[in-house]
Amino acid sequence: MKYLKIEIDGITQKKNIYKFLKENKFSEHYISALRNNLNNILINGKATNVKTVLKNGDVLEIAKNPYKATEIELIEKPLNIVYEDEDYLVINKPSLLATTPTRSHYSDNLSGMICAYIKKKDDNFTLRIMNRLDKDASGLILVAKDAIAYQKTVNIKKEYYAICHGILEKEEIIEKPILTLQENGINIMKRVCDEKGQSAKTTLTPIKTLKDKTLVKAEIEKGRTHQIRLHSSHIGYPLIGDKIYGNEDEFSHTFLHLKRLSFENELTRKQYCFDIDFPQEFLDLIEI
């Protein structure tokens, strides 16, 4: 079991472990999970519980992952790893690879590949993907290796790039709620802009004109499913290859790429920033 070690100092009034963790912004869900196993909390190397009163000089250790391990089919395929440390794994996902298991992608998805990779070193690994990409999309995927890294990751910023039909001449800001459609009470893939939906904001900035197409930078707020694809189509600039919201064209998938990703771990105060290349299929069009 892996622990976060905290040296207790500066306590001026009676305080138990529960109150200490709450004051330090650990979630109620996480604290509750710590109660599931006596060895999840140690004081000076000895098992204890959240009711224990802390003293200056104590060494508190809390389990980094007090949850059940993820149980999905392990897929032994190589990952394109951009970065890895004790807390995070950053991957460059190719297009046409599903991020999570589905009925049609049960044995071919990124989640199964990640679990196969990490479980060789940590059998208790619980999968936490912090930003999902559509199967068609490519780019950076952030994985938190444990519950503490997950809840202490803040200020996530994402910079997408896409190629759309038409010539986008100026920056466009689209603020349209997104509604998930249903059939017989079951969500279907297609979304629509509708005032009954969830709030969403997308900023599209033209980067380069490509004959009758435009390379655009896309930045989003909220991060709804299909947000960039739907909002681009809504203003008349559907992404090339988009079979749901776009036009019939010769491209096999949507040209959408998460190129830049930054975030901060508020516990360690470490800041991260990653910027990867465009896929070759983007470069082939950009360099025309």
C-alpha atoms as a PDB file:
ATOM      1  CA  MET A   1       0.000   0.000   0.000  1.00  0.00           C
ATOM      2  CA  LYS A   2       1.248   3.484  -0.913  1.00  0.00           C
ATOM      3  CA  TYR A   3       0.914   6.330   1.595  1.00  0.00           C
ATOM      4  CA  LEU A   4       1.117  10.099   1.665  1.00  0.00           C
ATOM      5  CA  LYS A   5       3.303  11.064   4.627  1.00  0.00           C
ATOM      6  CA  ILE A   6       2.461  14.274   6.516  1.00  0.00           C
ATOM      7  CA  GLU A   7       4.570  15.597   9.386  1.00  0.00           C
ATOM      8  CA  ILE A   8       2.256  17.307  11.865  1.00  0.00           C
ATOM      9  CA  ASP A   9       3.320  20.736  13.060  1.00  0.00           C
ATOM     10  CA  GLY A  10       1.708  23.980  14.158  1.00  0.00           C
ATOM     11  CA  ILE A  11      -1.335  22.512  15.910  1.00  0.00           C
ATOM     12  CA  THR A  12      -2.546  24.920  18.599  1.00  0.00           C
ATOM     13  CA  GLN A  13      -5.858  23.302  19.588  1.00  0.00           C
ATOM     14  CA  LYS A  14      -7.301  19.820  19.881  1.00  0.00           C
ATOM     15  CA  LYS A  15      -7.790  18.359  16.446  1.00  0.00           C
ATOM     16  CA  ASN A  16      -8.485  14.817  15.282  1.00  0.00           C
ATOM     17  CA  ILE A  17      -7.476  13.330  11.924  1.00  0.00           C
ATOM     18  CA  TYR A  18     -10.917  13.846  10.417  1.00  0.00           C
ATOM     19  CA  LYS A  19     -10.912  17.574  11.156  1.00  0.00           C
ATOM     20  CA  PHE A  20      -7.309  17.913   9.970  1.00  0.00           C
ATOM     21  CA  LEU A  21      -8.108  16.278   6.630  1.00  0.00           C
ATOM     22  CA  LYS A  22     -11.239  18.383   6.118  1.00  0.00           C
ATOM     23  CA  GLU A  23      -9.315  21.577   6.852  1.00  0.00           C
ATOM     24  CA  ASN A  24      -6.757  20.519   4.241  1.00  0.00           C
ATOM     25  CA  LYS A  25      -9.461  20.040   1.596  1.00  0.00           C
ATOM     26  CA  PHE A  26      -9.524  16.265   1.384  1.00  0.00           C
ATOM     27  CA  SER A  27     -12.967  15.243   0.166  1.00  0.00           C
ATOM     28  CA  GLU A  28     -15.605  13.610   2.359  1.00  0.00           C
ATOM     29  CA  HIS A  29     -15.741  10.750  -0.141  1.00  0.00           C
ATOM     30  CA  TYR A  30     -12.011  10.108   0.250  1.00  0.00           C
ATOM     31  CA  ILE A  31     -12.115  10.333   4.071  1.00  0.00           C
ATOM     32  CA  SER A  32     -15.026   7.915   4.107  1.00  0.00           C
ATOM     33  CA  ALA A  33     -13.027   5.461   1.975  1.00  0.00           C
ATOM     34  CA  LEU A  34     -10.162   5.619   4.470  1.00  0.00           C
ATOM     35  CA  ARG A  35     -12.486   4.052   7.053  1.00  0.00           C
ATOM     36  CA  ASN A  36     -12.814   0.862   4.985  1.00  0.00           C
ATOM     37  CA  ASN A  37      -9.467  -0.585   6.042  1.00  0.00           C
ATOM     38  CA  LEU A  38      -7.700  -0.200   9.394  1.00  0.00           C
ATOM     39  CA  ASN A  39      -4.327   0.070   7.635  1.00  0.00           C
ATOM     40  CA  ASN A  40      -5.432   3.059   5.536  1.00  0.00           C
ATOM     41  CA  ILE A  41      -4.408   5.469   8.328  1.00  0.00           C
ATOM     42  CA  LEU A  42      -1.171   5.262  10.293  1.00  0.00           C
ATOM     43  CA  ILE A  43       0.154   7.453  13.091  1.00  0.00           C
ATOM     44  CA  ASN A  44       3.865   7.019  13.766  1.00  0.00           C
ATOM     45  CA  GLY A  45       3.702   3.706  11.913  1.00  0.00           C
ATOM     46  CA  LYS A  46       0.721   2.289  13.827  1.00  0.00           C
ATOM     47  CA  ALA A  47      -2.775   1.756  12.430  1.00  0.00           C
ATOM     48  CA  THR A  48      -5.450   4.103  13.725  1.00  0.00           C
ATOM     49  CA  ASN A  49      -8.698   5.846  12.705  1.00  0.00           C
ATOM     50  CA  VAL A  50      -9.995   9.328  11.921  1.00  0.00           C
ATOM     51  CA  LYS A  51     -11.006   9.985  15.531  1.00  0.00           C
ATOM     52  CA  THR A  52      -7.396   9.951  16.743  1.00  0.00           C
ATOM     53  CA  VAL A  53      -6.232  13.313  18.102  1.00  0.00           C
ATOM     54  CA  LEU A  54      -3.082  14.645  16.462  1.00  0.00           C
ATOM     55  CA  LYS A  55      -0.050  16.071  18.302  1.00  0.00           C
ATOM     56  CA  ASN A  56       2.799  18.152  16.981  1.00  0.00           C
ATOM     57  CA  GLY A  57       5.614  15.847  15.943  1.00  0.00           C
ATOM     58  CA  ASP A  58       3.285  13.039  14.830  1.00  0.00           C
ATOM     59  CA  VAL A  59       3.796  11.491  11.401  1.00  0.00           C
ATOM     60  CA  LEU A  60       0.445  10.883   9.713  1.00  0.00           C
ATOM     61  CA  GLU A  61       0.291   8.480   6.772  1.00  0.00           C
ATOM     62  CA  ILE A  62      -2.841   8.125   4.662  1.00  0.00           C
ATOM     63  CA  ALA A  63      -3.436   5.611   1.874  1.00  0.00           C
ATOM     64  CA  LYS A  64      -3.112   7.145  -1.572  1.00  0.00           C
ATOM     65  CA  ASN A  65      -5.770   4.854  -2.988  1.00  0.00           C
ATOM     66  CA  PRO A  66      -8.276   3.488  -0.448  1.00  0.00           C
ATOM     67  CA  TYR A  67     -10.654   2.369  -3.212  1.00  0.00           C
ATOM     68  CA  LYS A  68     -11.250  -0.906  -5.050  1.00  0.00           C
ATOM     69  CA  ALA A  69      -9.019  -1.593  -8.021  1.00  0.00           C
ATOM     70  CA  THR A  70     -10.487  -1.118 -11.505  1.00  0.00           C
ATOM     71  CA  GLU A  71     -11.554  -4.417 -13.018  1.00  0.00           C
ATOM     72  CA  ILE A  72     -11.743  -4.290 -16.799  1.00  0.00           C
ATOM     73  CA  GLU A  73     -10.188  -6.374 -19.557  1.00  0.00           C
ATOM     74  CA  LEU A  74      -6.441  -5.707 -19.684  1.00  0.00           C
ATOM     75  CA  ILE A  75      -5.165  -4.890 -23.152  1.00  0.00           C
ATOM     76  CA  GLU A  76      -1.483  -5.505 -23.783  1.00  0.00           C
ATOM     77  CA  LYS A  77      -0.738  -2.830 -26.373  1.00  0.00           C
ATOM     78  CA  PRO A  78       1.940  -0.118 -26.247  1.00  0.00           C
ATOM     79  CA  LEU A  79       1.066   3.363 -25.015  1.00  0.00           C
ATOM     80  CA  ASN A  80       2.477   6.562 -26.443  1.00  0.00           C
ATOM     81  CA  ILE A  81       3.627   7.965 -23.090  1.00  0.00           C
ATOM     82  CA  VAL A  82       4.412  11.680 -23.023  1.00  0.00           C
ATOM     83  CA  TYR A  83       5.241  11.905 -19.291  1.00  0.00           C
ATOM     84  CA  GLU A  84       5.090   9.819 -16.142  1.00  0.00           C
ATOM     85  CA  ASP A  85       5.880  10.391 -12.466  1.00  0.00           C
ATOM     86  CA  GLU A  86       4.592   9.084  -9.135  1.00  0.00           C
ATOM     87  CA  ASP A  87       1.310  10.977  -9.463  1.00  0.00           C
ATOM     88  CA  TYR A  88       0.483  11.201 -13.167  1.00  0.00           C
ATOM     89  CA  LEU A  89       0.598   9.476 -16.509  1.00  0.00           C
ATOM     90  CA  VAL A  90       0.201  11.620 -19.646  1.00  0.00           C
ATOM     91  CA  ILE A  91      -0.550   9.824 -22.911  1.00  0.00           C
ATOM     92  CA  ASN A  92      -0.850  10.865 -26.534  1.00  0.00           C
ATOM     93  CA  LYS A  93      -4.000   9.080 -27.735  1.00  0.00           C
ATOM     94  CA  PRO A  94      -4.302   8.377 -31.453  1.00  0.00           C
ATOM     95  CA  SER A  95      -7.516   8.998 -33.331  1.00  0.00           C
ATOM     96  CA  LEU A  96      -9.953   6.104 -33.816  1.00  0.00           C
ATOM     97  CA  LEU A  97      -9.153   4.612 -30.390  1.00  0.00           C
ATOM     98  CA  ALA A  98     -11.984   4.629 -27.833  1.00  0.00           C
ATOM     99  CA  THR A  99     -11.007   6.067 -24.442  1.00  0.00           C
ATOM    100  CA  THR A 100     -13.265   3.790 -22.376  1.00  0.00           C
ATOM    101  CA  PRO A 101     -14.712   0.300 -22.848  1.00  0.00           C
ATOM    102  CA  THR A 102     -18.005   0.034 -24.714  1.00  0.00           C
ATOM    103  CA  ARG A 103     -19.881  -2.897 -26.188  1.00  0.00           C
ATOM    104  CA  SER A 104     -18.235  -2.275 -29.557  1.00  0.00           C
ATOM    105  CA  HIS A 105     -14.780  -1.482 -28.096  1.00  0.00           C
ATOM    106  CA  TYR A 106     -14.585  -3.850 -25.148  1.00  0.00           C
ATOM    107  CA  SER A 107     -11.238  -5.341 -26.198  1.00  0.00           C
ATOM    108  CA  ASP A 108      -9.804  -2.296 -27.914  1.00  0.00           C
ATOM    109  CA  ASN A 109      -9.739   0.846 -25.772  1.00  0.00           C
ATOM    110  CA  LEU A 110      -7.267   3.126 -24.058  1.00  0.00           C
ATOM    111  CA  SER A 111      -8.513   2.367 -20.528  1.00  0.00           C
ATOM    112  CA  GLY A 112      -7.666  -1.306 -20.857  1.00  0.00           C
ATOM    113  CA  MET A 113      -4.213  -0.415 -22.177  1.00  0.00           C
ATOM    114  CA  ILE A 114      -3.567   1.953 -19.262  1.00  0.00           C
ATOM    115  CA  CYS A 115      -4.655  -0.608 -16.671  1.00  0.00           C
ATOM    116  CA  ALA A 116      -2.489  -3.305 -18.235  1.00  0.00           C
ATOM    117  CA  TYR A 117       0.512  -0.964 -18.092  1.00  0.00           C
ATOM    118  CA  ILE A 118       0.104   0.323 -14.523  1.00  0.00           C
ATOM    119  CA  LYS A 119      -1.150  -2.886 -12.906  1.00  0.00           C
ATOM    120  CA  LYS A 120       2.230  -4.483 -13.629  1.00  0.00           C
ATOM    121  CA  LYS A 121       3.563  -2.136 -10.925  1.00  0.00           C
ATOM    122  CA  ASP A 122       0.436  -1.522  -8.827  1.00  0.00           C
ATOM    123  CA  ASP A 123      -2.232  -4.243  -8.517  1.00  0.00           C
ATOM    124  CA  ASN A 124      -4.451  -1.872  -6.527  1.00  0.00           C
ATOM    125  CA  PHE A 125      -4.635   0.730  -9.327  1.00  0.00           C
ATOM    126  CA  THR A 126      -7.969   2.517  -9.750  1.00  0.00           C
ATOM    127  CA  LEU A 127      -8.327   4.182 -13.146  1.00  0.00           C
ATOM    128  CA  ARG A 128      -8.974   7.936 -13.072  1.00  0.00           C
ATOM    129  CA  ILE A 129      -8.879   9.596 -16.483  1.00  0.00           C
ATOM    130  CA  MET A 130      -9.153  13.331 -15.931  1.00  0.00           C
ATOM    131  CA  ASN A 131     -10.066  14.347 -19.478  1.00  0.00           C
ATOM    132  CA  ARG A 132     -11.798  12.078 -21.945  1.00  0.00           C
ATOM    133  CA  LEU A 133     -11.504  12.394 -25.704  1.00  0.00           C
ATOM    134  CA  ASP A 134     -13.967  11.150 -28.304  1.00  0.00           C
ATOM    135  CA  LYS A 135     -12.869   8.062 -30.214  1.00  0.00           C
ATOM    136  CA  ASP A 136     -12.291  10.208 -33.312  1.00  0.00           C
ATOM    137  CA  ALA A 137     -10.189  12.800 -31.473  1.00  0.00           C
ATOM    138  CA  SER A 138      -6.460  12.564 -30.765  1.00  0.00           C
ATOM    139  CA  GLY A 139      -4.151  14.157 -28.228  1.00  0.00           C
ATOM    140  CA  LEU A 140      -3.261  14.409 -24.583  1.00  0.00           C
ATOM    141  CA  ILE A 141      -4.933  12.263 -21.930  1.00  0.00           C
ATOM    142  CA  LEU A 142      -4.202  12.875 -18.234  1.00  0.00           C
ATOM    143  CA  VAL A 143      -4.382   9.971 -15.773  1.00  0.00           C
ATOM    144  CA  ALA A 144      -4.160  10.474 -11.999  1.00  0.00           C
ATOM    145  CA  LYS A 145      -2.426   7.445 -10.506  1.00  0.00           C
ATOM    146  CA  ASP A 146      -4.151   7.650  -7.126  1.00  0.00           C
ATOM    147  CA  ALA A 147      -7.038   9.298  -5.291  1.00  0.00           C
ATOM    148  CA  ILE A 148      -4.920  12.055  -3.753  1.00  0.00           C
ATOM    149  CA  ALA A 149      -3.413  13.152  -7.066  1.00  0.00           C
ATOM    150  CA  TYR A 150      -6.914  13.117  -8.539  1.00  0.00           C
ATOM    151  CA  GLN A 151      -8.499  15.393  -5.941  1.00  0.00           C
ATOM    152  CA  LYS A 152      -5.489  17.711  -5.688  1.00  0.00           C
ATOM    153  CA  THR A 153      -5.253  18.433  -9.433  1.00  0.00           C
ATOM    154  CA  VAL A 154      -6.470  21.959 -10.171  1.00  0.00           C
ATOM    155  CA  ASN A 155      -6.421  24.646 -12.871  1.00  0.00           C
ATOM    156  CA  ILE A 156      -6.650  22.209 -15.774  1.00  0.00           C
ATOM    157  CA  LYS A 157      -6.413  24.080 -19.075  1.00  0.00           C
ATOM    158  CA  LYS A 158      -6.818  22.470 -22.482  1.00  0.00           C
ATOM    159  CA  GLU A 159      -5.984  23.819 -25.915  1.00  0.00           C
ATOM    160  CA  TYR A 160      -7.530  21.950 -28.831  1.00  0.00           C
ATOM    161  CA  TYR A 161      -6.902  22.348 -32.529  1.00  0.00           C
ATOM    162  CA  ALA A 162      -9.273  21.358 -35.295  1.00  0.00           C
ATOM    163  CA  ILE A 163      -9.734  21.739 -39.025  1.00  0.00           C
ATOM    164  CA  CYS A 164     -13.148  22.959 -40.120  1.00  0.00           C
ATOM    165  CA  HIS A 165     -14.915  23.378 -43.429  1.00  0.00           C
ATOM    166  CA  GLY A 166     -15.075  26.982 -44.641  1.00  0.00           C
ATOM    167  CA  ILE A 167     -12.986  30.077 -44.006  1.00  0.00           C
ATOM    168  CA  LEU A 168     -13.299  31.313 -40.427  1.00  0.00           C
ATOM    169  CA  GLU A 169     -12.108  34.937 -40.611  1.00  0.00           C
ATOM    170  CA  LYS A 170     -12.307  36.046 -36.971  1.00  0.00           C
ATOM    171  CA  GLU A 171     -12.567  34.709 -33.448  1.00  0.00           C
ATOM    172  CA  GLU A 172     -15.971  33.302 -32.609  1.00  0.00           C
ATOM    173  CA  ILE A 173     -17.328  32.801 -29.089  1.00  0.00           C
ATOM    174  CA  ILE A 174     -20.225  30.355 -28.922  1.00  0.00           C
ATOM    175  CA  GLU A 175     -22.258  30.206 -25.704  1.00  0.00           C
ATOM    176  CA  LYS A 176     -25.018  27.703 -26.328  1.00  0.00           C
ATOM    177  CA  PRO A 177     -26.375  25.125 -23.849  1.00  0.00           C
ATOM    178  CA  ILE A 178     -25.962  21.513 -24.962  1.00  0.00           C
ATOM    179  CA  LEU A 179     -28.771  18.990 -24.607  1.00  0.00           C
ATOM    180  CA  THR A 180     -28.363  15.215 -24.784  1.00  0.00           C
ATOM    181  CA  LEU A 181     -31.062  13.588 -26.874  1.00  0.00           C
ATOM    182  CA  GLN A 182     -32.801  10.398 -25.785  1.00  0.00           C
ATOM    183  CA  GLU A 183     -34.711   7.587 -27.431  1.00  0.00           C
ATOM    184  CA  ASN A 184     -36.934   5.458 -25.189  1.00  0.00           C
ATOM    185  CA  GLY A 185     -35.252   6.978 -22.149  1.00  0.00           C
ATOM    186  CA  ILE A 186     -31.729   6.090 -23.318  1.00  0.00           C
ATOM    187  CA  ASN A 187     -29.118   8.696 -24.245  1.00  0.00           C
ATOM    188  CA  ILE A 188     -28.140   8.682 -27.906  1.00  0.00           C
ATOM    189  CA  MET A 189     -24.847   9.893 -29.302  1.00  0.00           C
ATOM    190  CA  LYS A 190     -26.066  13.103 -30.914  1.00  0.00           C
ATOM    191  CA  ARG A 191     -26.342  16.351 -28.931  1.00  0.00           C
ATOM    192  CA  VAL A 192     -28.116  19.603 -29.864  1.00  0.00           C
ATOM    193  CA  CYS A 193     -27.909  23.251 -28.866  1.00  0.00           C
ATOM    194  CA  ASP A 194     -30.980  23.855 -26.744  1.00  0.00           C
ATOM    195  CA  GLU A 195     -31.830  26.201 -23.885  1.00  0.00           C
ATOM    196  CA  LYS A 196     -32.927  23.180 -21.846  1.00  0.00           C
ATOM    197  CA  GLY A 197     -29.387  21.801 -21.950  1.00  0.00           C
ATOM    198  CA  GLN A 198     -26.246  22.341 -19.869  1.00  0.00           C
ATOM    199  CA  SER A 199     -24.280  25.569 -20.188  1.00  0.00           C
ATOM    200  CA  ALA A 200     -21.244  25.494 -22.483  1.00  0.00           C
ATOM    201  CA  LYS A 201     -18.853  28.044 -23.969  1.00  0.00           C
ATOM    202  CA  THR A 202     -16.420  27.543 -26.845  1.00  0.00           C
ATOM    203  CA  THR A 203     -13.924  30.032 -28.277  1.00  0.00           C
ATOM    204  CA  LEU A 204     -12.739  29.362 -31.833  1.00  0.00           C
ATOM    205  CA  THR A 205      -9.697  31.265 -33.113  1.00  0.00           C
ATOM    206  CA  PRO A 206      -8.575  30.991 -36.758  1.00  0.00           C
ATOM    207  CA  ILE A 207      -4.885  30.025 -37.068  1.00  0.00           C
ATOM    208  CA  LYS A 208      -4.366  29.293 -40.768  1.00  0.00           C
ATOM    209  CA  THR A 209      -6.483  29.264 -43.922  1.00  0.00           C
ATOM    210  CA  LEU A 210      -6.204  25.999 -45.865  1.00  0.00           C
ATOM    211  CA  LYS A 211      -7.836  26.714 -49.257  1.00  0.00           C
ATOM    212  CA  ASP A 212     -11.505  26.078 -48.395  1.00  0.00           C
ATOM    213  CA  LYS A 213     -10.782  25.016 -44.806  1.00  0.00           C
ATOM    214  CA  THR A 214      -9.429  26.614 -41.609  1.00  0.00           C
ATOM    215  CA  LEU A 215      -7.093  25.417 -38.890  1.00  0.00           C
ATOM    216  CA  VAL A 216      -8.625  26.704 -35.654  1.00  0.00           C
ATOM    217  CA  LYS A 217      -7.670  26.747 -31.990  1.00  0.00           C
ATOM    218  CA  ALA A 218     -10.526  25.790 -29.690  1.00  0.00           C
ATOM    219  CA  GLU A 219     -10.768  26.538 -25.971  1.00  0.00           C
ATOM    220  CA  ILE A 220     -13.736  25.405 -23.926  1.00  0.00           C
ATOM    221  CA  GLU A 221     -15.478  25.948 -20.626  1.00  0.00           C
ATOM    222  CA  LYS A 222     -17.429  23.115 -18.954  1.00  0.00           C
ATOM    223  CA  GLY A 223     -16.253  20.418 -21.397  1.00  0.00           C
ATOM    224  CA  ARG A 224     -19.546  18.884 -22.515  1.00  0.00           C
ATOM    225  CA  THR A 225     -19.625  15.815 -24.743  1.00  0.00           C
ATOM    226  CA  HIS A 226     -19.103  16.794 -28.411  1.00  0.00           C
ATOM    227  CA  GLN A 227     -18.921  20.466 -27.404  1.00  0.00           C
ATOM    228  CA  ILE A 228     -16.386  21.681 -29.989  1.00  0.00           C
ATOM    229  CA  ARG A 229     -17.906  19.592 -32.765  1.00  0.00           C
ATOM    230  CA  LEU A 230     -21.449  20.766 -32.061  1.00  0.00           C
ATOM    231  CA  HIS A 231     -20.617  24.432 -31.513  1.00  0.00           C
ATOM    232  CA  SER A 232     -18.476  24.593 -34.662  1.00  0.00           C
ATOM    233  CA  SER A 233     -21.266  23.084 -36.711  1.00  0.00           C
ATOM    234  CA  HIS A 234     -23.826  25.377 -35.058  1.00  0.00           C
ATOM    235  CA  ILE A 235     -22.147  28.484 -36.490  1.00  0.00           C
ATOM    236  CA  GLY A 236     -21.685  26.923 -39.937  1.00  0.00           C
ATOM    237  CA  TYR A 237     -18.119  25.616 -39.692  1.00  0.00           C
ATOM    238  CA  PRO A 238     -18.388  21.848 -39.097  1.00  0.00           C
ATOM    239  CA  LEU A 239     -15.175  19.951 -38.499  1.00  0.00           C
ATOM    240  CA  ILE A 240     -13.914  17.879 -41.392  1.00  0.00           C
ATOM    241  CA  GLY A 241     -14.560  14.177 -41.027  1.00  0.00           C
ATOM    242  CA  ASP A 242     -17.412  14.714 -38.534  1.00  0.00           C
ATOM    243  CA  LYS A 243     -20.084  12.202 -39.509  1.00  0.00           C
ATOM    244  CA  ILE A 244     -22.551  13.338 -36.820  1.00  0.00           C
ATOM    245  CA  TYR A 245     -22.571  17.142 -37.050  1.00  0.00           C
ATOM    246  CA  GLY A 246     -20.728  17.721 -40.325  1.00  0.00           C
ATOM    247  CA  ASN A 247     -20.834  17.169 -44.048  1.00  0.00           C
ATOM    248  CA  GLU A 248     -20.118  14.060 -46.057  1.00  0.00           C
ATOM    249  CA  ASP A 249     -16.457  14.280 -47.073  1.00  0.00           C
ATOM    250  CA  GLU A 250     -13.471  12.065 -47.840  1.00  0.00           C
ATOM    251  CA  PHE A 251     -12.053  12.011 -44.296  1.00  0.00           C
ATOM    252  CA  SER A 252     -12.411   8.914 -42.114  1.00  0.00           C
ATOM    253  CA  HIS A 253     -12.738  10.705 -38.775  1.00  0.00           C
ATOM    254  CA  THR A 254     -13.096  14.101 -37.115  1.00  0.00           C
ATOM    255  CA  PHE A 255      -9.957  16.249 -37.191  1.00  0.00           C
ATOM    256  CA  LEU A 256      -9.787  17.316 -33.533  1.00  0.00           C
ATOM    257  CA  HIS A 257      -6.559  17.245 -31.521  1.00  0.00           C
ATOM    258  CA  LEU A 258      -5.831  18.176 -27.894  1.00  0.00           C
ATOM    259  CA  LYS A 259      -2.370  19.639 -28.376  1.00  0.00           C
ATOM    260  CA  ARG A 260      -1.656  21.509 -25.156  1.00  0.00           C
ATOM    261  CA  LEU A 261      -2.523  20.615 -21.550  1.00  0.00           C
ATOM    262  CA  SER A 262      -1.543  22.326 -18.298  1.00  0.00           C
ATOM    263  CA  PHE A 263      -2.498  21.832 -14.653  1.00  0.00           C
ATOM    264  CA  GLU A 264      -1.242  22.139 -11.090  1.00  0.00           C
ATOM    265  CA  ASN A 265      -0.980  19.785  -8.125  1.00  0.00           C
ATOM    266  CA  GLU A 266      -2.092  21.997  -5.235  1.00  0.00           C
ATOM    267  CA  LEU A 267      -0.553  19.631  -2.692  1.00  0.00           C
ATOM    268  CA  THR A 268       2.980  19.660  -4.116  1.00  0.00           C
ATOM    269  CA  ARG A 269       2.588  23.096  -5.764  1.00  0.00           C
ATOM    270  CA  LYS A 270       4.112  21.603  -8.901  1.00  0.00           C
ATOM    271  CA  GLN A 271       2.909  22.974 -12.227  1.00  0.00           C
ATOM    272  CA  TYR A 272       2.766  20.881 -15.376  1.00  0.00           C
ATOM    273  CA  CYS A 273       2.536  21.881 -19.034  1.00  0.00           C
ATOM    274  CA  PHE A 274       2.653  19.635 -22.091  1.00  0.00           C
ATOM    275  CA  ASP A 275       2.597  20.561 -25.777  1.00  0.00           C
ATOM    276  CA  ILE A 276       2.743  17.831 -28.416  1.00  0.00           C
ATOM    277  CA  ASP A 277       3.011  17.813 -32.199  1.00  0.00           C
ATOM    278  CA  PHE A 278       0.115  17.580 -34.612  1.00  0.00           C
ATOM    279  CA  PRO A 279      -0.596  14.109 -35.997  1.00  0.00           C
ATOM    280  CA  GLN A 280       0.762  13.527 -39.485  1.00  0.00           C
ATOM    281  CA  GLU A 281      -2.730  13.697 -40.992  1.00  0.00           C
ATOM    282  CA  PHE A 282      -3.046  17.278 -39.669  1.00  0.00           C
ATOM    283  CA  LEU A 283       0.407  18.207 -40.982  1.00  0.00           C
ATOM    284  CA  ASP A 284      -0.452  16.874 -44.430  1.00  0.00           C
ATOM    285  CA  LEU A 285      -3.309  19.388 -44.642  1.00  0.00           C
ATOM    286  CA  ILE A 286      -1.649  22.262 -42.786  1.00  0.00           C
ATOM    287  CA  GLU A 287       1.387  22.241 -45.084  1.00  0.00           C
ATOM    288  CA  ILE A 288      -0.665  22.355 -48.296  1.00  0.00           C
END
